[in-house]
Amino acid sequence: CQMNFSDSEIVASILAETGYNTTKVLEEADLVLVNTCSIRDKAEQTVRKRLETYQVAKRKNPGMKVGVLGCM
């Protein structure tokens, strides 16, 4: 939703000021933030599946931090 997009931009800006940058390669990430708005059950299940993917990546990179923003 539009609010989540705005929130994501704010979070990205704050993180950029502290030295973080973005990557499209999950295995390179030190921090993964999922900004979600899952009011409906299908959306919530989609987020849960995505978190399973990140859990697998975290096993390969134990230092990776994963967080969920928004509403769920």
Protein backbone atom coordinates (compact mmCIF):
# COMPACT_ATOMS: atom_id res chain seq x y z
CA CYS A 1 0.00 0.00 0.00
CA GLN A 2 1.03 3.63 -0.37
CA MET A 3 1.77 4.04 3.33
CA ASN A 4 4.09 1.03 3.38
CA PHE A 5 5.95 2.40 0.35
CA SER A 6 6.47 5.68 2.18
CA ASP A 7 7.55 3.89 5.37
CA SER A 8 10.01 1.78 3.37
CA GLU A 9 11.54 4.89 1.84
CA ILE A 10 11.94 6.46 5.30
CA VAL A 11 13.54 3.32 6.74
CA ALA A 12 15.88 3.03 3.73
CA SER A 13 16.93 6.65 4.16
CA ILE A 14 17.68 6.19 7.85
CA LEU A 15 19.65 3.02 7.17
CA ALA A 16 21.60 4.70 4.34
CA GLU A 17 22.64 7.44 6.78
CA THR A 18 24.12 4.77 9.05
CA GLY A 19 26.10 3.09 6.27
CA TYR A 20 23.71 0.43 4.99
CA ASN A 21 22.96 0.01 1.29
CA THR A 22 20.70 -2.26 -0.71
CA THR A 23 21.46 -5.51 -2.48
CA LYS A 24 19.45 -7.75 -4.75
CA VAL A 25 21.46 -10.78 -3.61
CA LEU A 26 19.90 -12.19 -0.45
CA GLU A 27 23.05 -14.05 0.57
CA GLU A 28 24.96 -10.73 0.73
CA ALA A 29 22.49 -9.10 3.13
CA ASP A 30 23.34 -8.31 6.74
CA LEU A 31 19.83 -7.04 7.39
CA VAL A 32 16.51 -7.98 5.77
CA LEU A 33 13.39 -5.98 6.58
CA VAL A 34 10.00 -7.07 5.31
CA ASN A 35 7.47 -4.25 5.28
CA THR A 36 4.04 -5.80 5.07
CA CYS A 37 0.39 -5.01 5.34
CA SER A 38 -1.27 -8.37 5.71
CA ILE A 39 -4.81 -7.74 6.75
CA ARG A 40 -6.06 -10.70 4.72
CA ASP A 41 -5.11 -14.30 5.47
CA LYS A 42 -3.58 -14.89 2.01
CA ALA A 43 -1.26 -11.92 2.44
CA GLU A 44 -0.21 -13.16 5.87
CA GLN A 45 0.55 -16.62 4.48
CA THR A 46 2.63 -15.03 1.71
CA VAL A 47 4.72 -13.19 4.31
CA ARG A 48 5.17 -16.36 6.36
CA LYS A 49 6.42 -18.23 3.26
CA ARG A 50 8.84 -15.42 2.51
CA LEU A 51 10.16 -15.57 6.07
CA GLU A 52 10.85 -19.28 5.58
CA THR A 53 13.08 -18.34 2.62
CA TYR A 54 14.96 -15.88 4.81
CA GLN A 55 15.32 -18.52 7.52
CA VAL A 56 17.16 -20.75 5.03
CA ALA A 57 19.45 -17.85 4.04
CA LYS A 58 20.07 -17.09 7.72
CA ARG A 59 21.38 -20.61 8.26
CA LYS A 60 24.08 -19.84 5.69
CA ASN A 61 24.69 -16.37 7.17
CA PRO A 62 23.97 -16.58 10.94
CA GLY A 63 24.81 -12.90 11.41
CA MET A 64 21.92 -11.83 9.18
CA LYS A 65 19.16 -9.97 11.01
CA VAL A 66 15.57 -10.33 9.78
CA GLY A 67 12.78 -8.00 10.84
CA VAL A 68 9.14 -7.45 9.97
CA LEU A 69 7.66 -3.95 9.72
CA GLY A 70 4.10 -2.86 9.10
CA CYS A 71 1.01 -4.64 10.29
CA MET A 72 0.35 -8.35 10.48
